[in-house]
């Protein structure tokens, strides 16, 4: 289960924040390591190093502030230049709860996503609407890339690690050796 903490007065990320979540995709427990780089231009040089080895990227803009949308092209260029070509990129329009203050239309953001091969959704960090879905859909797409062979578990730059030291747990291809006496297990 993915736990999302929704806070009414959440302070902005300064620099980089880190978190982890264990979620289930197709019966497989997967540990997500999440690096929030905040997207602030003044931290851009620092945050670029966090792109290396990323299997997925969530690019978030504020639907009420066109300036955040206008920076998407340069952030997308950084993401594509500094990550694996198979990195899953999800575009998220945040603050969908503020429809009356909208400055970026759904249609133009959807078109940008389609033209650039990105997954897209509008969400609200305040209400939690579509937040969990964005993480789950990203994880599912990464998992599918592994199964299809587009992401190589043996390549360090893939952003995916497999924990083979635990033979009794389910591997990423769905094979199991031995069940854990009712305990949660993660092959990550």
N, C-alpha and C. Protein backbone atom coordinates (compact mmCIF):
# COMPACT_ATOMS: atom_id res chain seq x y z
N UNK A 1 0.84 -1.18 0.00
CA UNK A 1 0.00 0.00 0.00
C UNK A 1 0.89 1.24 0.00
N UNK A 2 0.55 2.20 -0.83
CA UNK A 2 1.29 3.45 -0.90
C UNK A 2 0.65 4.43 0.07
N UNK A 3 1.45 4.97 0.96
CA UNK A 3 0.95 5.93 1.94
C UNK A 3 1.29 7.33 1.46
N UNK A 4 0.30 8.15 1.36
CA UNK A 4 0.49 9.54 0.96
C UNK A 4 0.06 10.41 2.12
N UNK A 5 0.94 11.27 2.54
CA UNK A 5 0.62 12.19 3.63
C UNK A 5 0.21 13.52 3.01
N UNK A 6 -1.02 13.91 3.23
CA UNK A 6 -1.53 15.17 2.70
C UNK A 6 -1.57 16.17 3.84
N UNK A 7 -0.89 17.28 3.66
CA UNK A 7 -0.81 18.30 4.71
C UNK A 7 -1.35 19.62 4.16
N UNK A 8 -2.17 20.28 4.92
CA UNK A 8 -2.79 21.52 4.48
C UNK A 8 -1.77 22.63 4.26
N UNK A 9 -0.83 22.77 5.16
CA UNK A 9 0.17 23.84 5.05
C UNK A 9 1.56 23.23 4.97
N UNK A 10 1.82 22.52 3.88
CA UNK A 10 3.10 21.85 3.69
C UNK A 10 4.14 22.85 3.20
N UNK A 11 5.28 22.93 3.88
CA UNK A 11 6.33 23.85 3.42
C UNK A 11 6.93 23.35 2.11
N UNK A 12 7.46 24.28 1.32
CA UNK A 12 8.09 23.92 0.05
C UNK A 12 9.38 23.16 0.30
N UNK A 13 9.69 22.26 -0.62
CA UNK A 13 10.94 21.53 -0.53
C UNK A 13 12.10 22.47 -0.84
N UNK A 14 13.12 22.45 -0.02
CA UNK A 14 14.32 23.22 -0.25
C UNK A 14 15.42 22.22 -0.58
N UNK A 15 15.98 22.32 -1.78
CA UNK A 15 17.01 21.37 -2.19
C UNK A 15 16.39 20.04 -2.57
N UNK A 16 16.64 18.99 -1.78
CA UNK A 16 16.15 17.65 -2.09
C UNK A 16 15.64 16.97 -0.82
N UNK A 17 14.50 16.29 -0.94
CA UNK A 17 13.98 15.45 0.14
C UNK A 17 13.92 14.02 -0.37
N UNK A 18 14.03 13.06 0.54
CA UNK A 18 14.07 11.65 0.17
C UNK A 18 13.03 10.87 0.95
N UNK A 19 12.41 9.90 0.29
CA UNK A 19 11.46 9.03 0.97
C UNK A 19 11.40 7.69 0.26
N UNK A 20 10.83 6.70 0.92
CA UNK A 20 10.65 5.39 0.30
C UNK A 20 9.22 4.92 0.54
N UNK A 21 8.73 4.09 -0.36
CA UNK A 21 7.42 3.48 -0.24
C UNK A 21 7.53 2.07 -0.80
N UNK A 22 6.85 1.12 -0.18
CA UNK A 22 6.74 -0.22 -0.73
C UNK A 22 5.32 -0.36 -1.23
N UNK A 23 5.19 -0.69 -2.51
CA UNK A 23 3.88 -0.85 -3.11
C UNK A 23 3.82 -2.22 -3.77
N UNK A 24 2.62 -2.63 -4.13
CA UNK A 24 2.46 -3.91 -4.80
C UNK A 24 2.00 -3.69 -6.23
N UNK A 25 2.70 -4.32 -7.17
CA UNK A 25 2.35 -4.26 -8.58
C UNK A 25 2.30 -5.69 -9.08
N UNK A 26 1.15 -6.09 -9.58
CA UNK A 26 0.97 -7.46 -10.10
C UNK A 26 1.40 -8.52 -9.09
N UNK A 27 1.07 -8.31 -7.82
CA UNK A 27 1.41 -9.28 -6.78
C UNK A 27 2.87 -9.23 -6.34
N UNK A 28 3.62 -8.30 -6.87
CA UNK A 28 5.05 -8.17 -6.56
C UNK A 28 5.28 -6.93 -5.71
N UNK A 29 5.96 -7.09 -4.57
CA UNK A 29 6.27 -5.93 -3.73
C UNK A 29 7.48 -5.20 -4.32
N UNK A 30 7.33 -3.90 -4.47
CA UNK A 30 8.37 -3.06 -5.07
C UNK A 30 8.63 -1.88 -4.14
N UNK A 31 9.88 -1.62 -3.89
CA UNK A 31 10.26 -0.49 -3.06
C UNK A 31 10.62 0.68 -3.96
N UNK A 32 9.91 1.78 -3.80
CA UNK A 32 10.20 3.00 -4.54
C UNK A 32 11.09 3.89 -3.68
N UNK A 33 12.17 4.37 -4.26
CA UNK A 33 12.99 5.38 -3.61
C UNK A 33 12.66 6.69 -4.31
N UNK A 34 12.14 7.65 -3.57
CA UNK A 34 11.62 8.88 -4.15
C UNK A 34 12.49 10.05 -3.73
N UNK A 35 13.02 10.75 -4.71
CA UNK A 35 13.83 11.94 -4.49
C UNK A 35 13.02 13.14 -4.97
N UNK A 36 12.63 14.02 -4.08
CA UNK A 36 11.89 15.23 -4.42
C UNK A 36 12.90 16.35 -4.60
N UNK A 37 13.11 16.76 -5.87
CA UNK A 37 14.11 17.79 -6.15
C UNK A 37 13.49 19.17 -6.26
N UNK A 38 12.19 19.28 -6.05
CA UNK A 38 11.45 20.55 -5.95
C UNK A 38 11.38 21.36 -7.24
N UNK A 39 12.27 21.18 -8.18
CA UNK A 39 12.18 21.88 -9.45
C UNK A 39 12.48 23.36 -9.39
N UNK A 40 13.06 23.83 -8.32
CA UNK A 40 13.38 25.25 -8.22
C UNK A 40 14.65 25.55 -9.02
N UNK A 41 14.58 26.57 -9.84
CA UNK A 41 15.70 26.92 -10.71
C UNK A 41 17.01 27.15 -9.94
N UNK A 42 16.94 27.70 -8.76
CA UNK A 42 18.16 28.00 -8.02
C UNK A 42 18.88 26.74 -7.53
N UNK A 43 18.18 25.60 -7.50
CA UNK A 43 18.81 24.33 -7.10
C UNK A 43 19.07 23.41 -8.29
N UNK A 44 18.89 23.91 -9.49
CA UNK A 44 18.97 23.08 -10.69
C UNK A 44 20.30 22.36 -10.83
N UNK A 45 21.42 23.04 -10.59
CA UNK A 45 22.74 22.40 -10.71
C UNK A 45 22.88 21.25 -9.72
N UNK A 46 22.35 21.40 -8.53
CA UNK A 46 22.44 20.36 -7.51
C UNK A 46 21.54 19.18 -7.87
N UNK A 47 20.33 19.47 -8.30
CA UNK A 47 19.36 18.40 -8.53
C UNK A 47 19.68 17.56 -9.76
N UNK A 48 20.46 18.06 -10.69
CA UNK A 48 20.78 17.29 -11.89
C UNK A 48 21.45 15.96 -11.55
N UNK A 49 22.23 15.92 -10.49
CA UNK A 49 22.92 14.67 -10.13
C UNK A 49 21.93 13.58 -9.71
N UNK A 50 20.73 13.96 -9.28
CA UNK A 50 19.74 12.98 -8.84
C UNK A 50 19.03 12.28 -10.00
N UNK A 51 19.18 12.80 -11.20
CA UNK A 51 18.58 12.17 -12.37
C UNK A 51 19.26 10.85 -12.73
N UNK A 52 20.57 10.77 -12.53
CA UNK A 52 21.31 9.59 -12.94
C UNK A 52 20.80 8.36 -12.20
N UNK A 53 20.49 7.34 -12.96
CA UNK A 53 20.01 6.10 -12.37
C UNK A 53 18.53 6.10 -12.04
N UNK A 54 17.79 7.11 -12.47
CA UNK A 54 16.35 7.15 -12.19
C UNK A 54 15.59 6.27 -13.18
N UNK A 55 14.71 5.44 -12.68
CA UNK A 55 13.87 4.60 -13.53
C UNK A 55 12.58 5.33 -13.89
N UNK A 56 12.22 6.34 -13.09
CA UNK A 56 11.00 7.10 -13.33
C UNK A 56 11.17 8.54 -12.87
N UNK A 57 10.40 9.42 -13.48
CA UNK A 57 10.44 10.83 -13.10
C UNK A 57 9.02 11.38 -13.12
N UNK A 58 8.65 12.08 -12.07
CA UNK A 58 7.37 12.77 -12.01
C UNK A 58 7.66 14.26 -12.16
N UNK A 59 7.23 14.83 -13.27
CA UNK A 59 7.42 16.26 -13.51
C UNK A 59 6.12 16.95 -13.13
N UNK A 60 6.18 17.80 -12.11
CA UNK A 60 4.98 18.44 -11.56
C UNK A 60 5.02 19.94 -11.83
N UNK A 61 3.89 20.45 -12.34
CA UNK A 61 3.73 21.89 -12.50
C UNK A 61 2.45 22.30 -11.78
N UNK A 62 2.32 23.58 -11.53
CA UNK A 62 1.16 24.15 -10.82
C UNK A 62 0.19 24.68 -11.87
N UNK A 63 -1.03 24.13 -11.92
CA UNK A 63 -1.99 24.56 -12.95
C UNK A 63 -2.41 26.01 -12.78
N UNK A 64 -2.11 26.62 -11.62
CA UNK A 64 -2.49 28.02 -11.37
C UNK A 64 -1.34 28.99 -11.65
N UNK A 65 -0.18 28.46 -12.03
CA UNK A 65 1.00 29.32 -12.28
C UNK A 65 1.65 28.92 -13.60
N UNK A 66 1.37 29.68 -14.66
CA UNK A 66 1.89 29.38 -15.98
C UNK A 66 3.41 29.30 -15.99
N UNK A 67 4.08 30.07 -15.16
CA UNK A 67 5.55 30.05 -15.17
C UNK A 67 6.09 28.64 -14.87
N UNK A 68 5.41 27.88 -14.03
CA UNK A 68 5.87 26.52 -13.73
C UNK A 68 5.68 25.62 -14.94
N UNK A 69 4.62 25.83 -15.69
CA UNK A 69 4.36 25.08 -16.92
C UNK A 69 5.38 25.45 -18.00
N UNK A 70 5.70 26.71 -18.09
CA UNK A 70 6.64 27.18 -19.12
C UNK A 70 8.04 26.59 -18.96
N UNK A 71 8.40 26.15 -17.76
CA UNK A 71 9.73 25.56 -17.54
C UNK A 71 9.78 24.07 -17.88
N UNK A 72 8.63 23.47 -18.20
CA UNK A 72 8.60 22.02 -18.44
C UNK A 72 9.54 21.56 -19.54
N UNK A 73 9.63 22.31 -20.62
CA UNK A 73 10.50 21.89 -21.74
C UNK A 73 11.94 21.75 -21.31
N UNK A 74 12.44 22.71 -20.52
CA UNK A 74 13.84 22.62 -20.10
C UNK A 74 14.05 21.50 -19.09
N UNK A 75 13.06 21.26 -18.21
CA UNK A 75 13.16 20.16 -17.25
C UNK A 75 13.09 18.82 -17.97
N UNK A 76 12.25 18.75 -18.99
CA UNK A 76 12.15 17.52 -19.78
C UNK A 76 13.45 17.25 -20.52
N UNK A 77 14.07 18.29 -21.06
CA UNK A 77 15.37 18.12 -21.73
C UNK A 77 16.40 17.58 -20.76
N UNK A 78 16.46 18.15 -19.55
CA UNK A 78 17.39 17.64 -18.53
C UNK A 78 17.10 16.18 -18.22
N UNK A 79 15.82 15.86 -18.03
CA UNK A 79 15.44 14.50 -17.68
C UNK A 79 15.86 13.53 -18.77
N UNK A 80 15.59 13.87 -20.00
CA UNK A 80 15.94 12.97 -21.12
C UNK A 80 17.45 12.87 -21.31
N UNK A 81 18.17 13.96 -21.10
CA UNK A 81 19.63 13.95 -21.29
C UNK A 81 20.37 13.23 -20.17
N UNK A 82 19.79 13.21 -18.97
CA UNK A 82 20.52 12.70 -17.81
C UNK A 82 20.01 11.36 -17.29
N UNK A 83 19.01 10.79 -17.96
CA UNK A 83 18.48 9.50 -17.52
C UNK A 83 18.60 8.47 -18.64
N UNK A 84 18.27 7.24 -18.29
CA UNK A 84 18.22 6.14 -19.24
C UNK A 84 17.10 6.43 -20.25
N UNK A 85 17.28 6.06 -21.52
CA UNK A 85 16.23 6.30 -22.52
C UNK A 85 14.90 5.63 -22.18
N UNK A 86 14.91 4.60 -21.33
CA UNK A 86 13.68 3.90 -20.95
C UNK A 86 13.04 4.46 -19.69
N UNK A 87 13.55 5.55 -19.17
CA UNK A 87 12.99 6.15 -17.96
C UNK A 87 11.53 6.56 -18.20
N UNK A 88 10.67 6.19 -17.30
CA UNK A 88 9.24 6.51 -17.38
C UNK A 88 9.07 7.94 -16.87
N UNK A 89 8.42 8.78 -17.67
CA UNK A 89 8.21 10.18 -17.28
C UNK A 89 6.71 10.45 -17.22
N UNK A 90 6.28 10.96 -16.08
CA UNK A 90 4.86 11.22 -15.82
C UNK A 90 4.71 12.72 -15.57
N UNK A 91 3.88 13.39 -16.34
CA UNK A 91 3.60 14.82 -16.16
C UNK A 91 2.36 14.96 -15.28
N UNK A 92 2.49 15.78 -14.23
CA UNK A 92 1.39 15.96 -13.28
C UNK A 92 1.09 17.44 -13.12
N UNK A 93 -0.15 17.79 -13.39
CA UNK A 93 -0.63 19.15 -13.13
C UNK A 93 -1.19 19.18 -11.72
N UNK A 94 -0.50 19.85 -10.81
CA UNK A 94 -0.91 19.90 -9.41
C UNK A 94 -1.90 21.04 -9.17
N UNK A 95 -2.60 20.95 -8.07
CA UNK A 95 -3.59 21.92 -7.60
C UNK A 95 -4.88 21.88 -8.41
N UNK A 96 -5.28 20.68 -8.80
CA UNK A 96 -6.55 20.54 -9.53
C UNK A 96 -7.74 20.97 -8.68
N UNK A 97 -7.56 21.10 -7.39
CA UNK A 97 -8.62 21.58 -6.49
C UNK A 97 -8.86 23.08 -6.64
N UNK A 98 -7.98 23.77 -7.37
CA UNK A 98 -8.11 25.22 -7.55
C UNK A 98 -8.54 25.56 -8.97
N UNK A 99 -9.57 24.88 -9.45
CA UNK A 99 -10.06 25.03 -10.83
C UNK A 99 -10.36 26.50 -11.16
N UNK A 100 -10.89 27.25 -10.24
CA UNK A 100 -11.23 28.64 -10.48
C UNK A 100 -10.02 29.55 -10.70
N UNK A 101 -8.85 29.10 -10.31
CA UNK A 101 -7.62 29.89 -10.47
C UNK A 101 -6.73 29.35 -11.58
N UNK A 102 -7.25 28.42 -12.37
CA UNK A 102 -6.49 27.75 -13.41
C UNK A 102 -5.86 28.74 -14.39
N UNK A 103 -4.56 28.53 -14.68
CA UNK A 103 -3.83 29.36 -15.65
C UNK A 103 -3.30 28.50 -16.81
N UNK A 104 -3.36 27.18 -16.65
CA UNK A 104 -2.91 26.25 -17.70
C UNK A 104 -4.06 25.28 -17.95
N UNK A 105 -4.54 25.21 -19.18
CA UNK A 105 -5.67 24.33 -19.47
C UNK A 105 -5.24 22.87 -19.48
N UNK A 106 -6.20 22.02 -19.17
CA UNK A 106 -5.96 20.58 -19.21
C UNK A 106 -5.54 20.18 -20.63
N UNK A 107 -6.24 20.73 -21.62
CA UNK A 107 -6.00 20.36 -23.02
C UNK A 107 -4.57 20.68 -23.47
N UNK A 108 -4.05 21.85 -23.10
CA UNK A 108 -2.69 22.18 -23.56
C UNK A 108 -1.64 21.32 -22.86
N UNK A 109 -1.86 21.01 -21.59
CA UNK A 109 -0.91 20.14 -20.88
C UNK A 109 -0.98 18.72 -21.42
N UNK A 110 -2.19 18.25 -21.72
CA UNK A 110 -2.36 16.91 -22.29
C UNK A 110 -1.68 16.84 -23.65
N UNK A 111 -1.81 17.87 -24.45
CA UNK A 111 -1.16 17.91 -25.77
C UNK A 111 0.36 17.87 -25.61
N UNK A 112 0.91 18.64 -24.66
CA UNK A 112 2.35 18.62 -24.39
C UNK A 112 2.80 17.21 -24.02
N UNK A 113 2.03 16.56 -23.15
CA UNK A 113 2.35 15.20 -22.72
C UNK A 113 2.31 14.24 -23.91
N UNK A 114 1.27 14.31 -24.71
CA UNK A 114 1.13 13.43 -25.86
C UNK A 114 2.28 13.63 -26.86
N UNK A 115 2.60 14.89 -27.15
CA UNK A 115 3.66 15.20 -28.11
C UNK A 115 5.03 14.71 -27.64
N UNK A 116 5.19 14.59 -26.33
CA UNK A 116 6.48 14.20 -25.78
C UNK A 116 6.50 12.77 -25.22
N UNK A 117 5.44 12.03 -25.46
CA UNK A 117 5.38 10.64 -25.02
C UNK A 117 5.35 10.47 -23.50
N UNK A 118 4.68 11.39 -22.82
CA UNK A 118 4.61 11.36 -21.36
C UNK A 118 3.25 10.86 -20.90
N UNK A 119 3.23 10.21 -19.76
CA UNK A 119 1.96 9.90 -19.10
C UNK A 119 1.49 11.22 -18.48
N UNK A 120 0.17 11.39 -18.30
CA UNK A 120 -0.33 12.68 -17.79
C UNK A 120 -1.56 12.50 -16.92
N UNK A 121 -1.61 13.30 -15.86
CA UNK A 121 -2.78 13.38 -15.00
C UNK A 121 -2.76 14.72 -14.27
N UNK A 122 -3.93 15.20 -13.91
CA UNK A 122 -4.01 16.34 -13.00
C UNK A 122 -4.33 15.79 -11.62
N UNK A 123 -3.75 16.41 -10.61
CA UNK A 123 -3.88 15.90 -9.24
C UNK A 123 -3.95 17.07 -8.26
N UNK A 124 -4.20 16.73 -7.01
CA UNK A 124 -4.19 17.73 -5.94
C UNK A 124 -3.44 17.16 -4.75
N UNK A 125 -2.31 17.75 -4.44
CA UNK A 125 -1.56 17.32 -3.25
C UNK A 125 -2.35 17.68 -1.99
N UNK A 126 -3.19 18.70 -2.07
CA UNK A 126 -3.96 19.12 -0.90
C UNK A 126 -5.06 18.12 -0.56
N UNK A 127 -5.80 17.65 -1.57
CA UNK A 127 -6.90 16.71 -1.32
C UNK A 127 -6.47 15.26 -1.48
N UNK A 128 -5.34 15.05 -2.15
CA UNK A 128 -4.87 13.69 -2.42
C UNK A 128 -5.42 13.11 -3.71
N UNK A 129 -6.27 13.84 -4.42
CA UNK A 129 -6.86 13.36 -5.67
C UNK A 129 -5.78 13.03 -6.71
N UNK A 130 -5.77 11.79 -7.17
CA UNK A 130 -4.86 11.26 -8.20
C UNK A 130 -3.38 11.20 -7.79
N UNK A 131 -3.06 11.48 -6.55
CA UNK A 131 -1.66 11.42 -6.11
C UNK A 131 -1.18 9.97 -6.07
N UNK A 132 -1.90 9.13 -5.37
CA UNK A 132 -1.51 7.72 -5.27
C UNK A 132 -1.50 7.08 -6.65
N UNK A 133 -2.48 7.42 -7.48
CA UNK A 133 -2.57 6.85 -8.82
C UNK A 133 -1.33 7.19 -9.64
N UNK A 134 -0.81 8.40 -9.51
CA UNK A 134 0.38 8.79 -10.27
C UNK A 134 1.57 7.91 -9.90
N UNK A 135 1.77 7.68 -8.60
CA UNK A 135 2.88 6.82 -8.17
C UNK A 135 2.66 5.38 -8.63
N UNK A 136 1.45 4.88 -8.46
CA UNK A 136 1.16 3.50 -8.85
C UNK A 136 1.30 3.31 -10.35
N UNK A 137 0.77 4.23 -11.14
CA UNK A 137 0.88 4.10 -12.60
C UNK A 137 2.33 4.17 -13.06
N UNK A 138 3.12 5.01 -12.42
CA UNK A 138 4.54 5.09 -12.76
C UNK A 138 5.23 3.77 -12.43
N UNK A 139 4.97 3.24 -11.24
CA UNK A 139 5.57 1.97 -10.84
C UNK A 139 5.15 0.83 -11.77
N UNK A 140 3.88 0.81 -12.17
CA UNK A 140 3.40 -0.22 -13.09
C UNK A 140 4.12 -0.14 -14.43
N UNK A 141 4.32 1.08 -14.91
CA UNK A 141 5.00 1.27 -16.20
C UNK A 141 6.46 0.84 -16.10
N UNK A 142 7.13 1.16 -14.99
CA UNK A 142 8.51 0.74 -14.77
C UNK A 142 8.57 -0.79 -14.72
N UNK A 143 7.66 -1.39 -13.98
CA UNK A 143 7.60 -2.84 -13.86
C UNK A 143 7.41 -3.49 -15.24
N UNK A 144 6.53 -2.91 -16.06
CA UNK A 144 6.31 -3.43 -17.41
C UNK A 144 7.57 -3.29 -18.26
N UNK A 145 8.30 -2.20 -18.10
CA UNK A 145 9.56 -2.00 -18.83
C UNK A 145 10.58 -3.07 -18.46
N UNK A 146 10.58 -3.47 -17.21
CA UNK A 146 11.48 -4.55 -16.76
C UNK A 146 11.07 -5.86 -17.41
N UNK A 147 9.79 -6.15 -17.34
CA UNK A 147 9.29 -7.41 -17.92
C UNK A 147 9.51 -7.48 -19.42
N UNK A 148 9.40 -6.33 -20.11
CA UNK A 148 9.58 -6.28 -21.56
C UNK A 148 11.05 -6.23 -21.97
N UNK A 149 11.95 -6.08 -20.97
CA UNK A 149 13.38 -6.03 -21.27
C UNK A 149 13.91 -4.66 -21.64
N UNK A 150 13.09 -3.61 -21.54
CA UNK A 150 13.58 -2.26 -21.84
C UNK A 150 14.44 -1.70 -20.72
N UNK A 151 14.24 -2.18 -19.50
CA UNK A 151 15.08 -1.83 -18.36
C UNK A 151 15.81 -3.09 -17.93
N UNK A 152 17.11 -3.03 -17.87
CA UNK A 152 17.95 -4.17 -17.54
C UNK A 152 18.29 -4.14 -16.05
N UNK A 153 17.88 -5.18 -15.33
CA UNK A 153 18.16 -5.25 -13.89
C UNK A 153 19.64 -5.32 -13.58
N UNK A 154 20.45 -5.71 -14.54
CA UNK A 154 21.89 -5.85 -14.32
C UNK A 154 22.67 -4.59 -14.66
N UNK A 155 22.02 -3.59 -15.22
CA UNK A 155 22.70 -2.35 -15.60
C UNK A 155 22.49 -1.30 -14.51
N UNK A 156 23.58 -0.79 -13.98
CA UNK A 156 23.50 0.20 -12.89
C UNK A 156 22.72 1.44 -13.31
N UNK A 157 22.81 1.84 -14.58
CA UNK A 157 22.15 3.06 -15.03
C UNK A 157 20.64 2.90 -15.22
N UNK A 158 20.11 1.68 -15.06
CA UNK A 158 18.68 1.46 -15.26
C UNK A 158 17.84 2.06 -14.14
N UNK A 159 18.44 2.28 -12.98
CA UNK A 159 17.68 2.82 -11.85
C UNK A 159 16.88 1.77 -11.12
N UNK A 160 17.07 0.50 -11.47
CA UNK A 160 16.33 -0.59 -10.86
C UNK A 160 17.33 -1.56 -10.25
N UNK A 161 17.05 -1.99 -9.04
CA UNK A 161 17.90 -2.96 -8.37
C UNK A 161 17.06 -4.16 -7.98
N UNK A 162 17.64 -5.32 -8.15
CA UNK A 162 16.99 -6.57 -7.77
C UNK A 162 17.78 -7.13 -6.61
N UNK A 163 17.11 -7.62 -5.57
CA UNK A 163 17.78 -8.15 -4.40
C UNK A 163 17.81 -9.68 -4.47
N UNK A 164 18.82 -10.24 -5.14
CA UNK A 164 18.87 -11.70 -5.29
C UNK A 164 19.33 -12.43 -4.04
N UNK A 165 19.72 -11.71 -3.01
CA UNK A 165 20.25 -12.35 -1.80
C UNK A 165 19.17 -12.97 -0.95
N UNK A 166 17.90 -12.85 -1.37
CA UNK A 166 16.81 -13.37 -0.58
C UNK A 166 16.03 -14.38 -1.42
N UNK A 167 16.52 -15.61 -1.58
CA UNK A 167 15.95 -16.57 -2.51
C UNK A 167 14.53 -17.00 -2.21
N UNK A 168 14.07 -16.86 -0.97
CA UNK A 168 12.71 -17.29 -0.66
C UNK A 168 11.66 -16.29 -1.11
N UNK A 169 12.07 -15.15 -1.60
CA UNK A 169 11.11 -14.11 -1.97
C UNK A 169 10.82 -14.14 -3.47
N UNK A 170 9.75 -13.50 -3.83
CA UNK A 170 9.33 -13.45 -5.22
C UNK A 170 10.29 -12.59 -6.02
N UNK A 171 10.68 -13.08 -7.20
CA UNK A 171 11.55 -12.25 -8.04
C UNK A 171 10.70 -11.37 -8.94
N UNK A 172 11.33 -10.46 -9.68
CA UNK A 172 10.60 -9.49 -10.47
C UNK A 172 9.86 -10.11 -11.64
N UNK A 173 10.14 -11.35 -11.98
CA UNK A 173 9.46 -11.99 -13.10
C UNK A 173 8.33 -12.88 -12.63
N UNK A 174 7.99 -12.83 -11.34
CA UNK A 174 6.83 -13.53 -10.82
C UNK A 174 7.09 -14.91 -10.28
N UNK A 175 8.31 -15.43 -10.38
CA UNK A 175 8.62 -16.77 -9.88
C UNK A 175 8.85 -16.72 -8.38
N UNK A 176 8.31 -17.71 -7.67
CA UNK A 176 8.54 -17.79 -6.23
C UNK A 176 9.18 -19.11 -5.89
N UNK A 177 10.00 -19.12 -4.85
CA UNK A 177 10.63 -20.34 -4.40
C UNK A 177 9.96 -20.88 -3.16
N UNK A 178 9.77 -20.00 -2.18
CA UNK A 178 9.24 -20.42 -0.89
C UNK A 178 8.47 -19.26 -0.30
N UNK A 179 7.32 -19.54 0.27
CA UNK A 179 6.52 -18.47 0.85
C UNK A 179 7.05 -18.11 2.23
N UNK A 180 6.92 -16.82 2.58
CA UNK A 180 7.31 -16.30 3.89
C UNK A 180 6.13 -16.50 4.84
N UNK A 181 6.16 -17.28 5.81
CA UNK A 181 5.09 -17.60 6.74
C UNK A 181 4.19 -16.41 7.06
N UNK A 182 3.47 -15.91 6.06
CA UNK A 182 2.53 -14.81 6.27
C UNK A 182 3.17 -13.45 6.41
N UNK A 183 4.49 -13.34 6.34
CA UNK A 183 5.15 -12.05 6.51
C UNK A 183 5.21 -11.33 5.16
N UNK A 184 5.18 -10.01 5.20
CA UNK A 184 5.38 -9.23 3.98
C UNK A 184 6.81 -9.41 3.55
N UNK A 185 6.99 -9.56 2.24
CA UNK A 185 8.34 -9.64 1.72
C UNK A 185 8.47 -8.70 0.54
N UNK A 186 9.67 -8.28 0.30
CA UNK A 186 9.94 -7.36 -0.79
C UNK A 186 11.19 -7.84 -1.48
N UNK A 187 11.14 -7.98 -2.79
CA UNK A 187 12.32 -8.44 -3.51
C UNK A 187 13.15 -7.26 -4.01
N UNK A 188 13.04 -6.15 -3.33
CA UNK A 188 13.75 -4.97 -3.75
C UNK A 188 14.89 -4.66 -2.82
